PDB file of N, CA and C in Angstrom:
ATOM      1  N   UNK A   1     -13.681   9.685   8.097  1.00  0.00           N
ATOM      2  CA  UNK A   1     -12.662   9.495   7.088  1.00  0.00           C
ATOM      3  C   UNK A   1     -13.021  10.281   5.817  1.00  0.00           C
ATOM      4  N   UNK A   2     -14.271  10.139   5.364  1.00  0.00           N
ATOM      5  CA  UNK A   2     -14.705  10.867   4.171  1.00  0.00           C
ATOM      6  C   UNK A   2     -14.696  12.363   4.434  1.00  0.00           C
ATOM      7  N   UNK A   3     -15.151  12.757   5.625  1.00  0.00           N
ATOM      8  CA  UNK A   3     -15.192  14.190   5.938  1.00  0.00           C
ATOM      9  C   UNK A   3     -13.785  14.789   5.963  1.00  0.00           C
ATOM     10  N   UNK A   4     -12.813  14.022   6.424  1.00  0.00           N
ATOM     11  CA  UNK A   4     -11.423  14.498   6.428  1.00  0.00           C
ATOM     12  C   UNK A   4     -10.930  14.667   4.991  1.00  0.00           C
ATOM     13  N   UNK A   5     -11.238  13.690   4.132  1.00  0.00           N
ATOM     14  CA  UNK A   5     -10.821  13.773   2.730  1.00  0.00           C
ATOM     15  C   UNK A   5     -11.483  14.965   2.037  1.00  0.00           C
ATOM     16  N   UNK A   6     -12.762  15.194   2.322  1.00  0.00           N
ATOM     17  CA  UNK A   6     -13.449  16.338   1.718  1.00  0.00           C
ATOM     18  C   UNK A   6     -12.861  17.661   2.202  1.00  0.00           C
ATOM     19  N   UNK A   7     -12.544  17.739   3.485  1.00  0.00           N
ATOM     20  CA  UNK A   7     -11.944  18.965   4.016  1.00  0.00           C
ATOM     21  C   UNK A   7     -10.585  19.220   3.367  1.00  0.00           C
ATOM     22  N   UNK A   8      -9.797  18.167   3.192  1.00  0.00           N
ATOM     23  CA  UNK A   8      -8.494  18.304   2.546  1.00  0.00           C
ATOM     24  C   UNK A   8      -8.647  18.740   1.087  1.00  0.00           C
ATOM     25  N   UNK A   9      -9.631  18.167   0.408  1.00  0.00           N
ATOM     26  CA  UNK A   9      -9.876  18.555  -0.979  1.00  0.00           C
ATOM     27  C   UNK A   9     -10.270  20.020  -1.069  1.00  0.00           C
ATOM     28  N   UNK A  10     -11.152  20.461  -0.172  1.00  0.00           N
ATOM     29  CA  UNK A  10     -11.574  21.862  -0.172  1.00  0.00           C
ATOM     30  C   UNK A  10     -10.379  22.783   0.076  1.00  0.00           C
ATOM     31  N   UNK A  11      -9.528  22.432   1.017  1.00  0.00           N
ATOM     32  CA  UNK A  11      -8.344  23.241   1.301  1.00  0.00           C
ATOM     33  C   UNK A  11      -7.421  23.311   0.087  1.00  0.00           C
ATOM     34  N   UNK A  12      -7.232  22.170  -0.574  1.00  0.00           N
ATOM     35  CA  UNK A  12      -6.357  22.135  -1.743  1.00  0.00           C
ATOM     36  C   UNK A  12      -6.935  22.971  -2.878  1.00  0.00           C
ATOM     37  N   UNK A  13      -8.259  22.842  -3.107  1.00  0.00           N
ATOM     38  CA  UNK A  13      -8.897  23.658  -4.138  1.00  0.00           C
ATOM     39  C   UNK A  13      -8.742  25.148  -3.837  1.00  0.00           C
ATOM     40  N   UNK A  14      -8.978  25.499  -2.570  1.00  0.00           N
ATOM     41  CA  UNK A  14      -8.884  26.904  -2.184  1.00  0.00           C
ATOM     42  C   UNK A  14      -7.454  27.410  -2.385  1.00  0.00           C
ATOM     43  N   UNK A  15      -6.484  26.631  -1.987  1.00  0.00           N
ATOM     44  CA  UNK A  15      -5.081  27.030  -2.144  1.00  0.00           C
ATOM     45  C   UNK A  15      -4.721  27.181  -3.627  1.00  0.00           C
ATOM     46  N   UNK A  16      -5.140  26.203  -4.435  1.00  0.00           N
ATOM     47  CA  UNK A  16      -4.836  26.265  -5.873  1.00  0.00           C
ATOM     48  C   UNK A  16      -5.475  27.491  -6.526  1.00  0.00           C
ATOM     49  N   UNK A  17      -6.747  27.758  -6.204  1.00  0.00           N
ATOM     50  CA  UNK A  17      -7.425  28.925  -6.777  1.00  0.00           C
ATOM     51  C   UNK A  17      -6.801  30.231  -6.292  1.00  0.00           C
ATOM     52  N   UNK A  18      -6.430  30.281  -5.022  1.00  0.00           N
ATOM     53  CA  UNK A  18      -5.812  31.507  -4.493  1.00  0.00           C
ATOM     54  C   UNK A  18      -4.465  31.766  -5.143  1.00  0.00           C
ATOM     55  N   UNK A  19      -3.719  30.706  -5.463  1.00  0.00           N
ATOM     56  CA  UNK A  19      -2.448  30.891  -6.157  1.00  0.00           C
ATOM     57  C   UNK A  19      -2.678  31.375  -7.583  1.00  0.00           C
ATOM     58  N   UNK A  20      -3.720  30.834  -8.224  1.00  0.00           N
ATOM     59  CA  UNK A  20      -4.013  31.227  -9.599  1.00  0.00           C
ATOM     60  C   UNK A  20      -4.622  32.630  -9.678  1.00  0.00           C
ATOM     61  N   UNK A  21      -5.414  33.017  -8.662  1.00  0.00           N
ATOM     62  CA  UNK A  21      -6.107  34.310  -8.636  1.00  0.00           C
ATOM     63  C   UNK A  21      -5.893  34.980  -7.280  1.00  0.00           C
ATOM     64  N   UNK A  22      -4.695  35.494  -7.023  1.00  0.00           N
ATOM     65  CA  UNK A  22      -4.374  36.020  -5.690  1.00  0.00           C
ATOM     66  C   UNK A  22      -5.265  37.171  -5.229  1.00  0.00           C
ATOM     67  N   UNK A  23      -5.813  37.946  -6.109  1.00  0.00           N
ATOM     68  CA  UNK A  23      -6.646  39.076  -5.701  1.00  0.00           C
ATOM     69  C   UNK A  23      -8.078  38.699  -5.361  1.00  0.00           C
ATOM     70  N   UNK A  24      -8.437  37.438  -5.537  1.00  0.00           N
ATOM     71  CA  UNK A  24      -9.830  37.017  -5.338  1.00  0.00           C
ATOM     72  C   UNK A  24     -10.006  36.073  -4.153  1.00  0.00           C
ATOM     73  N   UNK A  25      -9.131  36.188  -3.175  1.00  0.00           N
ATOM     74  CA  UNK A  25      -9.137  35.241  -2.060  1.00  0.00           C
ATOM     75  C   UNK A  25     -10.489  35.162  -1.359  1.00  0.00           C
ATOM     76  N   UNK A  26     -11.069  36.288  -1.014  1.00  0.00           N
ATOM     77  CA  UNK A  26     -12.342  36.290  -0.285  1.00  0.00           C
ATOM     78  C   UNK A  26     -13.470  35.716  -1.137  1.00  0.00           C
ATOM     79  N   UNK A  27     -13.489  36.060  -2.406  1.00  0.00           N
ATOM     80  CA  UNK A  27     -14.532  35.538  -3.300  1.00  0.00           C
ATOM     81  C   UNK A  27     -14.395  34.028  -3.454  1.00  0.00           C
ATOM     82  N   UNK A  28     -13.168  33.552  -3.594  1.00  0.00           N
ATOM     83  CA  UNK A  28     -12.923  32.110  -3.726  1.00  0.00           C
ATOM     84  C   UNK A  28     -13.450  31.390  -2.501  1.00  0.00           C
ATOM     85  N   UNK A  29     -13.167  31.924  -1.332  1.00  0.00           N
ATOM     86  CA  UNK A  29     -13.640  31.327  -0.073  1.00  0.00           C
ATOM     87  C   UNK A  29     -15.164  31.253  -0.055  1.00  0.00           C
ATOM     88  N   UNK A  30     -15.828  32.347  -0.465  1.00  0.00           N
ATOM     89  CA  UNK A  30     -17.299  32.383  -0.472  1.00  0.00           C
ATOM     90  C   UNK A  30     -17.883  31.394  -1.484  1.00  0.00           C
ATOM     91  N   UNK A  31     -17.288  31.332  -2.658  1.00  0.00           N
ATOM     92  CA  UNK A  31     -17.795  30.427  -3.697  1.00  0.00           C
ATOM     93  C   UNK A  31     -17.651  28.973  -3.241  1.00  0.00           C
ATOM     94  N   UNK A  32     -16.509  28.622  -2.691  1.00  0.00           N
ATOM     95  CA  UNK A  32     -16.323  27.254  -2.217  1.00  0.00           C
ATOM     96  C   UNK A  32     -17.311  26.910  -1.097  1.00  0.00           C
ATOM     97  N   UNK A  33     -17.539  27.836  -0.182  1.00  0.00           N
ATOM     98  CA  UNK A  33     -18.526  27.605   0.888  1.00  0.00           C
ATOM     99  C   UNK A  33     -19.925  27.420   0.318  1.00  0.00           C
ATOM    100  N   UNK A  34     -20.275  28.240  -0.682  1.00  0.00           N
ATOM    101  CA  UNK A  34     -21.602  28.135  -1.291  1.00  0.00           C
ATOM    102  C   UNK A  34     -21.767  26.801  -2.018  1.00  0.00           C
ATOM    103  N   UNK A  35     -20.750  26.389  -2.743  1.00  0.00           N
ATOM    104  CA  UNK A  35     -20.817  25.110  -3.458  1.00  0.00           C
ATOM    105  C   UNK A  35     -20.908  23.946  -2.473  1.00  0.00           C
ATOM    106  N   UNK A  36     -20.190  24.059  -1.374  1.00  0.00           N
ATOM    107  CA  UNK A  36     -20.268  23.007  -0.350  1.00  0.00           C
ATOM    108  C   UNK A  36     -21.682  22.945   0.233  1.00  0.00           C
ATOM    109  N   UNK A  37     -22.290  24.093   0.458  1.00  0.00           N
ATOM    110  CA  UNK A  37     -23.654  24.136   0.982  1.00  0.00           C
ATOM    111  C   UNK A  37     -24.653  23.563  -0.022  1.00  0.00           C
ATOM    112  N   UNK A  38     -24.398  23.740  -1.319  1.00  0.00           N
ATOM    113  CA  UNK A  38     -25.288  23.228  -2.365  1.00  0.00           C
ATOM    114  C   UNK A  38     -25.091  21.747  -2.655  1.00  0.00           C
ATOM    115  N   UNK A  39     -24.021  21.161  -2.181  1.00  0.00           N
ATOM    116  CA  UNK A  39     -23.690  19.789  -2.570  1.00  0.00           C
ATOM    117  C   UNK A  39     -24.778  18.768  -2.215  1.00  0.00           C
ATOM    118  N   UNK A  40     -25.456  18.856  -1.055  1.00  0.00           N
ATOM    119  CA  UNK A  40     -26.513  17.859  -0.809  1.00  0.00           C
ATOM    120  C   UNK A  40     -27.639  17.936  -1.844  1.00  0.00           C
ATOM    121  N   UNK A  41     -28.021  19.137  -2.246  1.00  0.00           N
ATOM    122  CA  UNK A  41     -29.068  19.299  -3.252  1.00  0.00           C
ATOM    123  C   UNK A  41     -28.598  18.740  -4.592  1.00  0.00           C
ATOM    124  N   UNK A  42     -27.371  19.055  -4.952  1.00  0.00           N
ATOM    125  CA  UNK A  42     -26.829  18.575  -6.224  1.00  0.00           C
ATOM    126  C   UNK A  42     -26.743  17.047  -6.222  1.00  0.00           C
ATOM    127  N   UNK A  43     -26.298  16.471  -5.118  1.00  0.00           N
ATOM    128  CA  UNK A  43     -26.214  15.011  -5.024  1.00  0.00           C
ATOM    129  C   UNK A  43     -27.596  14.384  -5.101  1.00  0.00           C
ATOM    130  N   UNK A  44     -28.595  15.029  -4.496  1.00  0.00           N
ATOM    131  CA  UNK A  44     -29.956  14.518  -4.575  1.00  0.00           C
ATOM    132  C   UNK A  44     -30.467  14.510  -5.999  1.00  0.00           C
ATOM    133  N   UNK A  45     -30.186  15.572  -6.745  1.00  0.00           N
ATOM    134  CA  UNK A  45     -30.590  15.633  -8.153  1.00  0.00           C
ATOM    135  C   UNK A  45     -29.869  14.562  -8.966  1.00  0.00           C
ATOM    136  N   UNK A  46     -28.587  14.399  -8.698  1.00  0.00           N
ATOM    137  CA  UNK A  46     -27.804  13.394  -9.417  1.00  0.00           C
ATOM    138  C   UNK A  46     -28.338  11.998  -9.122  1.00  0.00           C
ATOM    139  N   UNK A  47     -28.623  11.732  -7.858  1.00  0.00           N
ATOM    140  CA  UNK A  47     -29.145  10.422  -7.476  1.00  0.00           C
ATOM    141  C   UNK A  47     -30.479  10.163  -8.154  1.00  0.00           C
ATOM    142  N   UNK A  48     -31.336  11.184  -8.211  1.00  0.00           N
ATOM    143  CA  UNK A  48     -32.629  11.029  -8.862  1.00  0.00           C
ATOM    144  C   UNK A  48     -32.510  10.718 -10.342  1.00  0.00           C
ATOM    145  N   UNK A  49     -31.526  11.296 -10.993  1.00  0.00           N
ATOM    146  CA  UNK A  49     -31.336  11.045 -12.425  1.00  0.00           C
ATOM    147  C   UNK A  49     -30.696   9.692 -12.688  1.00  0.00           C
ATOM    148  N   UNK A  50     -29.862   9.228 -11.772  1.00  0.00           N
ATOM    149  CA  UNK A  50     -29.169   7.960 -12.015  1.00  0.00           C
ATOM    150  C   UNK A  50     -29.920   6.758 -11.474  1.00  0.00           C
ATOM    151  N   UNK A  51     -30.932   6.956 -10.638  1.00  0.00           N
ATOM    152  CA  UNK A  51     -31.668   5.823 -10.071  1.00  0.00           C
ATOM    153  C   UNK A  51     -32.269   4.917 -11.145  1.00  0.00           C
ATOM    154  N   UNK A  52     -32.919   5.461 -12.184  1.00  0.00           N
ATOM    155  CA  UNK A  52     -33.459   4.564 -13.213  1.00  0.00           C
ATOM    156  C   UNK A  52     -32.379   3.750 -13.928  1.00  0.00           C
ATOM    157  N   UNK A  53     -31.224   4.354 -14.135  1.00  0.00           N
ATOM    158  CA  UNK A  53     -30.119   3.644 -14.787  1.00  0.00           C
ATOM    159  C   UNK A  53     -29.647   2.495 -13.898  1.00  0.00           C
ATOM    160  N   UNK A  54     -29.489   2.800 -12.608  1.00  0.00           N
ATOM    161  CA  UNK A  54     -29.053   1.752 -11.683  1.00  0.00           C
ATOM    162  C   UNK A  54     -30.087   0.638 -11.568  1.00  0.00           C
ATOM    163  N   UNK A  55     -31.366   0.989 -11.572  1.00  0.00           N
ATOM    164  CA  UNK A  55     -32.430  -0.019 -11.499  1.00  0.00           C
ATOM    165  C   UNK A  55     -32.398  -0.914 -12.733  1.00  0.00           C
ATOM    166  N   UNK A  56     -32.183  -0.318 -13.903  1.00  0.00           N
ATOM    167  CA  UNK A  56     -32.120  -1.103 -15.139  1.00  0.00           C
ATOM    168  C   UNK A  56     -30.927  -2.057 -15.116  1.00  0.00           C
ATOM    169  N   UNK A  57     -29.799  -1.588 -14.628  1.00  0.00           N
ATOM    170  CA  UNK A  57     -28.620  -2.455 -14.524  1.00  0.00           C
ATOM    171  C   UNK A  57     -28.882  -3.604 -13.566  1.00  0.00           C
ATOM    172  N   UNK A  58     -29.530  -3.307 -12.441  1.00  0.00           N
ATOM    173  CA  UNK A  58     -29.834  -4.346 -11.469  1.00  0.00           C
ATOM    174  C   UNK A  58     -30.784  -5.371 -12.078  1.00  0.00           C
ATOM    175  N   UNK A  59     -31.805  -4.888 -12.794  1.00  0.00           N
ATOM    176  CA  UNK A  59     -32.753  -5.793 -13.438  1.00  0.00           C
ATOM    177  C   UNK A  59     -32.008  -6.687 -14.426  1.00  0.00           C
ATOM    178  N   UNK A  60     -31.098  -6.114 -15.201  1.00  0.00           N
ATOM    179  CA  UNK A  60     -30.305  -6.907 -16.139  1.00  0.00           C
ATOM    180  C   UNK A  60     -29.466  -7.941 -15.419  1.00  0.00           C
ATOM    181  N   UNK A  61     -28.919  -7.575 -14.284  1.00  0.00           N
ATOM    182  CA  UNK A  61     -28.123  -8.505 -13.486  1.00  0.00           C
ATOM    183  C   UNK A  61     -28.992  -9.648 -12.990  1.00  0.00           C
ATOM    184  N   UNK A  62     -30.194  -9.328 -12.515  1.00  0.00           N
ATOM    185  CA  UNK A  62     -31.107 -10.357 -12.032  1.00  0.00           C
ATOM    186  C   UNK A  62     -31.521 -11.298 -13.159  1.00  0.00           C
ATOM    187  N   UNK A  63     -31.772 -10.744 -14.343  1.00  0.00           N
ATOM    188  CA  UNK A  63     -32.146 -11.579 -15.485  1.00  0.00           C
ATOM    189  C   UNK A  63     -30.999 -12.510 -15.873  1.00  0.00           C
ATOM    190  N   UNK A  64     -29.775 -11.986 -15.886  1.00  0.00           N
ATOM    191  CA  UNK A  64     -28.622 -12.828 -16.210  1.00  0.00           C
ATOM    192  C   UNK A  64     -28.439 -13.919 -15.161  1.00  0.00           C
ATOM    193  N   UNK A  65     -28.634 -13.561 -13.897  1.00  0.00           N
ATOM    194  CA  UNK A  65     -28.499 -14.541 -12.821  1.00  0.00           C
ATOM    195  C   UNK A  65     -29.545 -15.651 -12.979  1.00  0.00           C
ATOM    196  N   UNK A  66     -30.790 -15.275 -13.301  1.00  0.00           N
ATOM    197  CA  UNK A  66     -31.858 -16.264 -13.484  1.00  0.00           C
ATOM    198  C   UNK A  66     -31.544 -17.180 -14.663  1.00  0.00           C
ATOM    199  N   UNK A  67     -31.043 -16.601 -15.771  1.00  0.00           N
ATOM    200  CA  UNK A  67     -30.690 -17.416 -16.934  1.00  0.00           C
ATOM    201  C   UNK A  67     -29.549 -18.379 -16.606  1.00  0.00           C
ATOM    202  N   UNK A  68     -28.578 -17.891 -15.859  1.00  0.00           N
ATOM    203  CA  UNK A  68     -27.449 -18.735 -15.471  1.00  0.00           C
ATOM    204  C   UNK A  68     -27.917 -19.897 -14.607  1.00  0.00           C
ATOM    205  N   UNK A  69     -28.797 -19.610 -13.651  1.00  0.00           N
ATOM    206  CA  UNK A  69     -29.319 -20.667 -12.786  1.00  0.00           C
ATOM    207  C   UNK A  69     -30.128 -21.676 -13.593  1.00  0.00           C
ATOM    208  N   UNK A  70     -30.934 -21.194 -14.551  1.00  0.00           N
ATOM    209  CA  UNK A  70     -31.716 -22.094 -15.396  1.00  0.00           C
ATOM    210  C   UNK A  70     -30.794 -22.983 -16.225  1.00  0.00           C
ATOM    211  N   UNK A  71     -29.715 -22.410 -16.733  1.00  0.00           N
ATOM    212  CA  UNK A  71     -28.753 -23.184 -17.511  1.00  0.00           C
ATOM    213  C   UNK A  71     -28.074 -24.242 -16.640  1.00  0.00           C
ATOM    214  N   UNK A  72     -27.709 -23.870 -15.423  1.00  0.00           N
ATOM    215  CA  UNK A  72     -27.094 -24.833 -14.501  1.00  0.00           C
ATOM    216  C   UNK A  72     -28.044 -25.995 -14.225  1.00  0.00           C
ATOM    217  N   UNK A  73     -29.339 -25.658 -13.998  1.00  0.00           N
ATOM    218  CA  UNK A  73     -30.319 -26.718 -13.736  1.00  0.00           C
ATOM    219  C   UNK A  73     -30.471 -27.627 -14.953  1.00  0.00           C
ATOM    220  N   UNK A  74     -30.494 -27.027 -16.150  1.00  0.00           N
ATOM    221  CA  UNK A  74     -30.635 -27.816 -17.369  1.00  0.00           C
ATOM    222  C   UNK A  74     -29.444 -28.750 -17.545  1.00  0.00           C
ATOM    223  N   UNK A  75     -28.247 -28.240 -17.266  1.00  0.00           N
ATOM    224  CA  UNK A  75     -27.043 -29.068 -17.379  1.00  0.00           C
ATOM    225  C   UNK A  75     -27.099 -30.199 -16.367  1.00  0.00           C
ATOM    226  N   UNK A  76     -27.473 -29.872 -15.128  1.00  0.00           N
ATOM    227  CA  UNK A  76     -27.565 -30.895 -14.092  1.00  0.00           C
ATOM    228  C   UNK A  76     -28.614 -31.934 -14.454  1.00  0.00           C
ATOM    229  N   UNK A  77     -29.779 -31.474 -14.960  1.00  0.00           N
ATOM    230  CA  UNK A  77     -30.847 -32.401 -15.340  1.00  0.00           C
ATOM    231  C   UNK A  77     -30.403 -33.306 -16.481  1.00  0.00           C
ATOM    232  N   UNK A  78     -29.723 -32.719 -17.479  1.00  0.00           N
ATOM    233  CA  UNK A  78     -29.283 -33.535 -18.610  1.00  0.00           C
ATOM    234  C   UNK A  78     -28.183 -34.502 -18.181  1.00  0.00           C
ATOM    235  N   UNK A  79     -27.339 -34.091 -17.255  1.00  0.00           N
ATOM    236  CA  UNK A  79     -26.301 -34.983 -16.745  1.00  0.00           C
ATOM    237  C   UNK A  79     -26.933 -36.140 -15.997  1.00  0.00           C
ATOM    238  N   UNK A  80     -27.945 -35.831 -15.190  1.00  0.00           N
ATOM    239  CA  UNK A  80     -28.644 -36.883 -14.447  1.00  0.00           C
ATOM    240  C   UNK A  80     -29.352 -37.835 -15.406  1.00  0.00           C
ATOM    241  N   UNK A  81     -29.971 -37.269 -16.447  1.00  0.00           N
ATOM    242  CA  UNK A  81     -30.663 -38.103 -17.428  1.00  0.00           C
ATOM    243  C   UNK A  81     -29.664 -38.989 -18.163  1.00  0.00           C
ATOM    244  N   UNK A  82     -28.512 -38.429 -18.527  1.00  0.00           N
ATOM    245  CA  UNK A  82     -27.481 -39.201 -19.218  1.00  0.00           C
ATOM    246  C   UNK A  82     -26.953 -40.309 -18.311  1.00  0.00           C
ATOM    247  N   UNK A  83     -26.811 -40.017 -17.044  1.00  0.00           N
ATOM    248  CA  UNK A  83     -26.335 -41.018 -16.093  1.00  0.00           C
ATOM    249  C   UNK A  83     -27.349 -42.146 -15.962  1.00  0.00           C
ATOM    250  N   UNK A  84     -28.628 -41.783 -15.876  1.00  0.00           N
ATOM    251  CA  UNK A  84     -29.685 -42.788 -15.781  1.00  0.00           C
ATOM    252  C   UNK A  84     -29.707 -43.645 -17.050  1.00  0.00           C
ATOM    253  N   UNK A  85     -29.551 -43.021 -18.214  1.00  0.00           N
ATOM    254  CA  UNK A  85     -29.531 -43.761 -19.478  1.00  0.00           C
ATOM    255  C   UNK A  85     -28.354 -44.729 -19.509  1.00  0.00           C
ATOM    256  N   UNK A  86     -27.197 -44.275 -19.036  1.00  0.00           N
ATOM    257  CA  UNK A  86     -26.020 -45.142 -19.013  1.00  0.00           C
ATOM    258  C   UNK A  86     -26.240 -46.334 -18.085  1.00  0.00           C
ATOM    259  N   UNK A  87     -26.874 -46.087 -16.966  1.00  0.00           N
ATOM    260  CA  UNK A  87     -27.180 -47.188 -16.026  1.00  0.00           C
ATOM    261  C   UNK A  87     -28.118 -48.201 -16.668  1.00  0.00           C
ATOM    262  N   UNK A  88     -29.136 -47.707 -17.375  1.00  0.00           N
ATOM    263  CA  UNK A  88     -30.095 -48.599 -18.025  1.00  0.00           C
ATOM    264  C   UNK A  88     -29.399 -49.403 -19.139  1.00  0.00           C
ATOM    265  N   UNK A  89     -28.522 -48.749 -19.866  1.00  0.00           N
ATOM    266  CA  UNK A  89     -27.829 -49.416 -20.957  1.00  0.00           C
ATOM    267  C   UNK A  89     -26.857 -50.479 -20.455  1.00  0.00           C
ATOM    268  N   UNK A  90     -26.280 -50.258 -19.293  1.00  0.00           N
ATOM    269  CA  UNK A  90     -25.302 -51.228 -18.783  1.00  0.00           C
ATOM    270  C   UNK A  90     -25.977 -52.373 -18.049  1.00  0.00           C
ATOM    271  N   UNK A  91     -27.252 -52.234 -17.734  1.00  0.00           N
ATOM    272  CA  UNK A  91     -27.957 -53.286 -16.986  1.00  0.00           C
ATOM    273  C   UNK A  91     -28.414 -54.420 -17.859  1.00  0.00           C
TER     274      UNK A  91
END
């Protein structure tokens, strides 16, 4: 599915560039092929640069999740304590 979408995008880019620059058809074809060949390297570089950002976001998510769980436990504990106090007061 992704490969079909990429092929369609490449065809559309090639068609658009050929319409804009009709005398450069062969060069456009070569440039698009070269960029397609370079894409795994470029994606690897991009992934390497964004990995620390993604790790920091994940760490922040984990910290928020831990705080939320601690707050839930505190609320549950205080509710249980309040319930126990009410039972003692009514006895």
